[in-house]
Every structure is written in C-alpha cells, then in structure tokens.
N, C-alpha and C. Protein backbone atom coordinates (compact mmCIF):
# COMPACT_ATOMS: atom_id res chain seq x y z
N UNK A 1 0.90 -1.04 -0.03
CA UNK A 1 -0.07 -0.02 0.06
C UNK A 1 0.52 1.25 0.13
N UNK A 2 0.80 2.11 -1.12
CA UNK A 2 1.88 3.46 -0.96
C UNK A 2 0.65 4.77 -0.51
N UNK A 3 1.14 5.36 -0.01
CA UNK A 3 0.31 6.67 0.73
C UNK A 3 1.02 7.85 -0.16
N UNK A 4 -0.21 8.49 -1.98
CA UNK A 4 -0.11 9.42 -2.97
C UNK A 4 0.25 10.57 -2.54
N UNK A 5 -0.53 10.76 -1.11
CA UNK A 5 -0.13 12.44 -0.53
C UNK A 5 1.04 12.92 0.63
N UNK A 6 1.59 12.00 -0.09
CA UNK A 6 3.17 12.06 0.90
C UNK A 6 4.57 11.92 -1.22
N UNK A 7 3.92 11.86 -1.15
CA UNK A 7 4.64 12.02 -2.87
C UNK A 7 5.57 13.80 -2.76
N UNK A 8 7.02 13.96 -3.43
CA UNK A 8 7.17 14.79 -3.50
C UNK A 8 6.67 15.76 -5.53
N UNK A 9 5.97 16.99 -5.45
CA UNK A 9 6.43 16.92 -6.21
C UNK A 9 6.52 18.41 -6.21
N UNK A 10 7.41 18.63 -7.50
CA UNK A 10 8.12 19.48 -7.79
C UNK A 10 7.44 20.62 -9.14
N UNK A 11 6.95 22.17 -8.08
CA UNK A 11 6.28 22.63 -9.29
C UNK A 11 7.13 23.06 -10.52
N UNK A 12 8.64 23.01 -10.31
CA UNK A 12 9.39 23.37 -11.10
C UNK A 12 9.72 22.21 -12.39
N UNK A 13 10.29 21.29 -12.10
CA UNK A 13 10.66 20.30 -12.77
C UNK A 13 9.93 20.04 -13.44
N UNK A 14 10.40 18.72 -14.79
CA UNK A 14 9.61 19.36 -16.75
C UNK A 14 8.78 17.97 -16.27
N UNK A 15 7.88 17.78 -17.19
CA UNK A 15 7.53 15.84 -17.14
C UNK A 15 8.69 15.72 -17.36
N UNK A 16 9.03 14.42 -16.84
CA UNK A 16 10.11 13.10 -17.26
C UNK A 16 9.44 12.59 -18.46
N UNK A 17 8.28 12.23 -18.30
CA UNK A 17 7.82 10.92 -19.55
C UNK A 17 7.57 11.28 -20.44
N UNK A 18 8.32 12.86 -20.39
CA UNK A 18 8.49 13.55 -22.64
C UNK A 18 9.87 12.86 -23.18
N UNK A 19 9.58 12.05 -24.20
CA UNK A 19 11.00 11.26 -25.13
C UNK A 19 11.23 12.53 -25.91
N UNK A 20 10.81 13.40 -25.76
CA UNK A 20 11.78 14.88 -26.88
C UNK A 20 11.51 15.53 -25.61
N UNK A 21 13.18 16.16 -25.96
CA UNK A 21 12.97 17.22 -25.25
C UNK A 21 12.52 18.23 -26.19
N UNK A 22 11.93 19.38 -25.28
CA UNK A 22 11.13 20.78 -25.84
C UNK A 22 11.89 21.55 -25.39
N UNK A 23 12.16 22.81 -26.39
CA UNK A 23 12.76 24.47 -25.97
C UNK A 23 11.43 24.70 -25.30
N UNK A 24 11.51 24.83 -24.06
CA UNK A 24 10.33 25.51 -23.22
C UNK A 24 11.22 27.07 -23.06
N UNK A 25 9.97 28.01 -22.96
CA UNK A 25 10.07 29.28 -22.41
C UNK A 25 9.42 29.43 -21.72
N UNK A 26 10.60 29.26 -20.45
CA UNK A 26 9.55 29.47 -18.48
C UNK A 26 9.28 31.03 -17.95
N UNK A 27 8.12 30.84 -17.79
CA UNK A 27 8.16 32.59 -16.44
C UNK A 27 7.59 31.96 -15.73
N UNK A 28 8.26 32.51 -15.23
CA UNK A 28 7.91 32.45 -13.53
C UNK A 28 8.74 33.28 -12.51
N UNK A 29 7.43 33.26 -11.65
CA UNK A 29 7.14 34.47 -10.37
C UNK A 29 8.12 34.04 -9.02
N UNK A 30 8.82 35.17 -8.79
CA UNK A 30 9.85 34.56 -7.67
C UNK A 30 9.64 35.62 -6.26
N UNK A 31 9.00 35.25 -5.75
CA UNK A 31 8.59 36.48 -4.16
C UNK A 31 10.18 36.81 -3.46
N UNK A 32 9.73 38.31 -3.31
CA UNK A 32 10.81 39.34 -2.54
C UNK A 32 10.55 38.85 -1.37
N UNK A 33 10.51 40.16 -0.29
CA UNK A 33 10.56 40.73 0.96
C UNK A 33 8.94 41.07 0.61
N UNK A 34 7.93 40.89 1.87
CA UNK A 34 6.74 41.29 1.65
C UNK A 34 5.95 40.71 0.32
N UNK A 35 5.04 41.72 -0.32
CA UNK A 35 4.16 41.98 -1.44
C UNK A 35 5.36 41.84 -2.68
N UNK A 36 6.08 42.33 -3.04
CA UNK A 36 7.50 42.07 -3.48
C UNK A 36 7.58 40.77 -4.62
N UNK A 37 7.70 41.38 -5.93
CA UNK A 37 7.80 39.72 -6.36
C UNK A 37 8.92 39.89 -7.86
N UNK A 38 9.54 38.80 -8.03
CA UNK A 38 10.25 39.30 -9.53
C UNK A 38 9.69 38.14 -10.37
N UNK A 39 9.58 38.47 -11.86
CA UNK A 39 9.16 37.72 -12.75
C UNK A 39 10.41 37.28 -13.27
N UNK A 40 10.69 36.14 -13.89
CA UNK A 40 11.82 35.91 -14.59
C UNK A 40 11.68 35.70 -15.88
N UNK A 41 12.00 35.10 -16.61
CA UNK A 41 12.14 34.71 -18.13
C UNK A 41 13.49 34.10 -18.59
N UNK A 42 13.57 32.73 -18.88
CA UNK A 42 14.92 32.59 -19.31
C UNK A 42 14.19 31.03 -20.66
N UNK A 43 14.97 30.65 -21.31
CA UNK A 43 14.83 29.74 -22.43
C UNK A 43 14.43 30.35 -23.55
N UNK A 44 15.27 31.56 -23.34
CA UNK A 44 14.09 31.93 -25.09
C UNK A 44 16.00 31.86 -25.54
N UNK A 45 15.43 31.62 -27.04
CA UNK A 45 16.29 31.22 -28.28
C UNK A 45 17.37 31.59 -28.64
N UNK A 46 18.27 31.37 -29.66
CA UNK A 46 19.29 32.66 -29.29
C UNK A 46 18.64 33.75 -31.04
N UNK A 47 18.02 33.58 -31.39
CA UNK A 47 17.19 34.56 -32.72
C UNK A 47 16.35 36.19 -31.49
N UNK A 48 16.21 35.55 -30.40
CA UNK A 48 15.46 36.82 -29.52
C UNK A 48 16.97 37.81 -29.24
N UNK A 49 16.83 39.05 -28.73
CA UNK A 49 18.07 39.91 -28.18
C UNK A 49 17.44 40.13 -27.08
N UNK A 50 17.70 39.86 -25.85
CA UNK A 50 17.72 39.85 -24.67
C UNK A 50 17.27 41.54 -23.89
N UNK A 51 17.98 42.45 -24.58
CA UNK A 51 18.59 43.17 -24.14
C UNK A 51 17.29 44.40 -25.63
N UNK A 52 16.48 43.94 -25.76
CA UNK A 52 15.66 44.37 -27.09
C UNK A 52 13.97 44.47 -26.70
N UNK A 53 14.52 42.90 -25.73
CA UNK A 53 12.69 42.05 -25.01
C UNK A 53 13.35 43.24 -23.80
N UNK A 54 14.63 43.11 -23.13
CA UNK A 54 14.22 43.43 -22.01
C UNK A 54 13.84 45.23 -21.94
N UNK A 55 14.28 46.05 -22.94
CA UNK A 55 13.55 47.25 -23.44
C UNK A 55 12.27 47.36 -23.93
N UNK A 56 12.02 46.05 -24.26
CA UNK A 56 10.69 47.03 -24.73
C UNK A 56 9.67 46.12 -23.63
N UNK A 57 9.75 45.28 -22.63
CA UNK A 57 9.16 44.98 -21.40
C UNK A 57 9.12 45.71 -20.35
N UNK A 58 10.39 47.02 -20.45
CA UNK A 58 10.68 48.36 -19.22
C UNK A 58 8.99 49.02 -19.66
N UNK A 59 9.21 49.27 -21.42
CA UNK A 59 8.36 50.52 -21.84
C UNK A 59 7.30 49.94 -21.29
N UNK A 60 6.88 48.91 -22.01
CA UNK A 60 5.53 48.48 -21.77
C UNK A 60 4.67 48.41 -20.73
N UNK A 61 5.48 47.59 -19.62
CA UNK A 61 5.53 47.84 -18.45
C UNK A 61 5.30 48.75 -17.16
N UNK A 62 6.25 49.43 -17.33
CA UNK A 62 6.47 50.56 -16.47
C UNK A 62 7.12 50.19 -15.45
N UNK A 63 7.62 49.29 -15.35
CA UNK A 63 9.26 48.56 -14.28
C UNK A 63 10.42 48.85 -14.43
N UNK A 64 10.49 48.55 -14.21
CA UNK A 64 12.45 48.40 -14.34
C UNK A 64 13.15 46.43 -14.48
N UNK A 65 13.96 46.12 -14.55
CA UNK A 65 14.36 44.88 -14.81
C UNK A 65 15.33 44.84 -15.07
N UNK A 66 15.84 44.01 -15.18
CA UNK A 66 18.05 43.11 -15.58
C UNK A 66 17.92 42.27 -16.31
N UNK A 67 18.90 42.34 -17.13
CA UNK A 67 19.43 40.66 -17.26
C UNK A 67 20.71 40.12 -16.24
N UNK A 68 20.44 38.64 -16.09
CA UNK A 68 21.05 37.88 -15.63
C UNK A 68 22.41 36.92 -15.61
N UNK A 69 23.08 36.72 -16.25
CA UNK A 69 24.03 35.41 -15.92
C UNK A 69 24.11 34.34 -15.43
N UNK A 70 23.36 33.40 -15.88
CA UNK A 70 23.63 32.14 -15.38
C UNK A 70 23.84 30.65 -15.85
N UNK A 71 24.84 30.27 -14.76
CA UNK A 71 25.64 29.50 -15.99
C UNK A 71 25.25 27.94 -15.89
N UNK A 72 23.68 27.82 -15.53
CA UNK A 72 23.16 27.01 -15.61
C UNK A 72 21.97 27.25 -16.94
N UNK A 73 21.21 28.69 -16.51
CA UNK A 73 19.49 28.34 -17.49
C UNK A 73 20.47 29.79 -18.44
N UNK A 74 21.57 30.03 -18.50
CA UNK A 74 22.01 31.56 -19.87
C UNK A 74 21.43 32.24 -19.66
N UNK A 75 21.27 32.96 -19.96
CA UNK A 75 20.09 34.50 -19.66
C UNK A 75 19.22 34.55 -18.97
N UNK A 76 18.99 35.08 -18.31
CA UNK A 76 17.55 35.35 -17.75
C UNK A 76 17.11 36.48 -17.77
N UNK A 77 15.97 37.01 -18.03
CA UNK A 77 15.47 38.54 -18.04
C UNK A 77 14.79 38.69 -16.43
N UNK A 78 15.13 39.34 -15.60
CA UNK A 78 14.11 39.42 -14.64
C UNK A 78 13.35 40.99 -14.96
N UNK A 79 12.70 40.80 -14.20
CA UNK A 79 11.42 41.69 -14.33
C UNK A 79 11.07 42.57 -12.88
N UNK A 80 10.66 43.57 -12.65
CA UNK A 80 9.63 43.64 -10.96
C UNK A 80 8.65 43.41 -11.17
N UNK A 81 7.84 42.84 -10.11
CA UNK A 81 6.29 42.94 -10.38
C UNK A 81 5.69 41.93 -10.83
N UNK A 82 4.56 41.45 -10.74
CA UNK A 82 4.20 40.19 -11.34
C UNK A 82 3.86 40.41 -12.42
N UNK A 83 4.28 40.19 -13.62
CA UNK A 83 3.65 40.58 -15.13
C UNK A 83 4.35 39.00 -15.84
N UNK A 84 3.22 38.10 -15.60
CA UNK A 84 3.41 36.19 -16.16
C UNK A 84 3.03 36.52 -17.81
N UNK A 85 1.23 36.60 -17.43
CA UNK A 85 0.64 36.85 -18.67
C UNK A 85 1.11 37.67 -19.71
N UNK A 86 1.22 38.85 -19.29
CA UNK A 86 1.56 40.05 -20.01
C UNK A 86 3.48 40.02 -20.79
N UNK A 87 3.67 39.26 -19.81
CA UNK A 87 4.94 38.90 -21.22
C UNK A 87 5.23 37.09 -21.82
N UNK A 88 4.10 36.34 -21.15
CA UNK A 88 3.33 35.81 -22.45
C UNK A 88 2.16 36.65 -23.74
N UNK A 89 1.13 36.94 -23.27
CA UNK A 89 0.84 37.33 -24.21
C UNK A 89 2.28 37.88 -25.19
N UNK A 90 2.77 38.97 -24.87
CA UNK A 90 3.58 39.88 -26.08
C UNK A 90 5.05 38.55 -25.91
N UNK A 91 5.09 37.71 -25.79
CA UNK A 91 5.82 36.70 -26.72
C UNK A 91 4.95 36.05 -27.93
N UNK A 92 3.88 36.11 -27.47
CA UNK A 92 2.72 35.11 -28.61
C UNK A 92 2.38 36.18 -29.80
N UNK A 93 2.23 37.54 -29.30
CA UNK A 93 1.82 38.52 -30.20
C UNK A 93 1.78 38.36 -31.71
N UNK A 94 1.53 38.16 -32.67
CA UNK A 94 2.01 38.18 -34.06
C UNK A 94 1.72 40.07 -34.99
N UNK A 95 1.57 40.41 -34.00
CA UNK A 95 0.77 41.88 -34.50
C UNK A 95 3.13 42.59 -35.00
N UNK A 96 3.15 43.02 -36.20
CA UNK A 96 4.54 43.35 -36.56
C UNK A 96 5.40 44.45 -35.35
N UNK A 97 4.96 45.09 -35.15
CA UNK A 97 5.84 46.16 -34.27
C UNK A 97 6.22 45.49 -32.50
N UNK A 98 5.77 44.36 -32.36
CA UNK A 98 6.21 43.66 -30.78
C UNK A 98 7.39 42.27 -31.24
N UNK A 99 7.41 41.16 -31.75
CA UNK A 99 7.51 39.97 -32.18
C UNK A 99 7.35 40.13 -33.36
N UNK A 100 6.39 40.63 -33.98
CA UNK A 100 6.58 40.27 -35.96
C UNK A 100 6.90 38.20 -36.17
N UNK A 101 7.60 38.31 -36.93
CA UNK A 101 7.68 36.78 -37.85
C UNK A 101 8.37 36.03 -36.41
N UNK A 102 9.00 36.32 -34.89
CA UNK A 102 9.56 35.93 -34.27
C UNK A 102 9.00 35.58 -33.27
N UNK A 103 7.09 36.14 -32.87
CA UNK A 103 6.26 35.10 -32.70
C UNK A 103 6.30 33.55 -32.04
N UNK A 104 6.12 33.05 -30.32
CA UNK A 104 6.14 32.31 -29.55
C UNK A 104 5.14 31.75 -29.79
N UNK A 105 4.36 30.12 -30.01
CA UNK A 105 3.37 29.60 -29.62
C UNK A 105 3.09 29.65 -28.85
N UNK A 106 1.85 29.54 -27.85
CA UNK A 106 1.70 29.02 -26.65
C UNK A 106 1.95 27.75 -25.64
N UNK A 107 2.13 27.27 -27.22
CA UNK A 107 2.19 26.21 -26.51
C UNK A 107 4.10 25.65 -26.11
N UNK A 108 4.77 26.71 -26.48
CA UNK A 108 6.06 26.62 -25.74
C UNK A 108 6.71 26.98 -24.88
N UNK A 109 5.68 28.22 -23.88
CA UNK A 109 5.51 28.42 -22.90
C UNK A 109 5.36 27.95 -21.86
N UNK A 110 5.63 27.81 -20.18
CA UNK A 110 5.33 27.45 -19.46
C UNK A 110 5.19 28.30 -18.43
N UNK A 111 4.15 28.55 -17.75
CA UNK A 111 3.88 30.36 -16.10
C UNK A 111 3.61 29.11 -15.67
N UNK A 112 5.48 29.22 -14.97
CA UNK A 112 5.10 28.35 -13.49
C UNK A 112 5.12 29.76 -12.22
N UNK A 113 4.46 29.35 -10.52
CA UNK A 113 4.03 30.00 -9.66
C UNK A 113 2.80 30.08 -9.13
N UNK A 114 2.32 30.66 -8.02
CA UNK A 114 1.20 30.50 -7.34
C UNK A 114 0.34 31.61 -8.26
C-alpha cells in the first residue's frame, strides 16, 4: 500500500515522461520580501535579443528589470513585479510592432508560480 499524498511534487520540474526534449520558455514568479515579486523569463532561443526584449518589457509595463547571466540557465530576464501573463501575451503576439515573425506558440511557453 502506498500513500499518494506524501509524494514530492516539484512545480519547477519538467515532465519526466517526455521522450523528446522540448525547448520551452519558462516564465516564473519569485517572492522577494513582503508583497514584492520578480518575474523571470528564461529559455529564449538565440533568435531573440535579451537586451531588446528587456527594453520593450520595461517600456510596456512601466517596471524596472535586468539581465542575469546564469551558468546553468544562460541569460535570464528579471522584471520587477508580477508580469507573467503580460509577458506571455507579448511573446505570442503576431503584431508587427512587437514580435512580428518571431512570435512564439503558446504551447512552447510554461508559466510557473502560485
């Protein structure tokens, strides 16, 4: 007899059952102190310029942000505040002014967090 409630479920882990690796863009929220949060975007392909995306995010959402160099995850965009759904809408928008021909499919984006 096994107890199902005691299994550890890691919300940040990808599905282990996938046989083919997929390149997802991960959008996460991290709690800072109090009500302050950070939104992180990682896993973008080399077709995207992180500096240009950061500049567009900062202008669009009136927030501050930075690019962090991580040895495991590569370049990670950090934004102040909770902008998970807005970032996903921005990355999947087919409008010429925003992403244009580089728009992502919603199936390639994973949103994590509470």
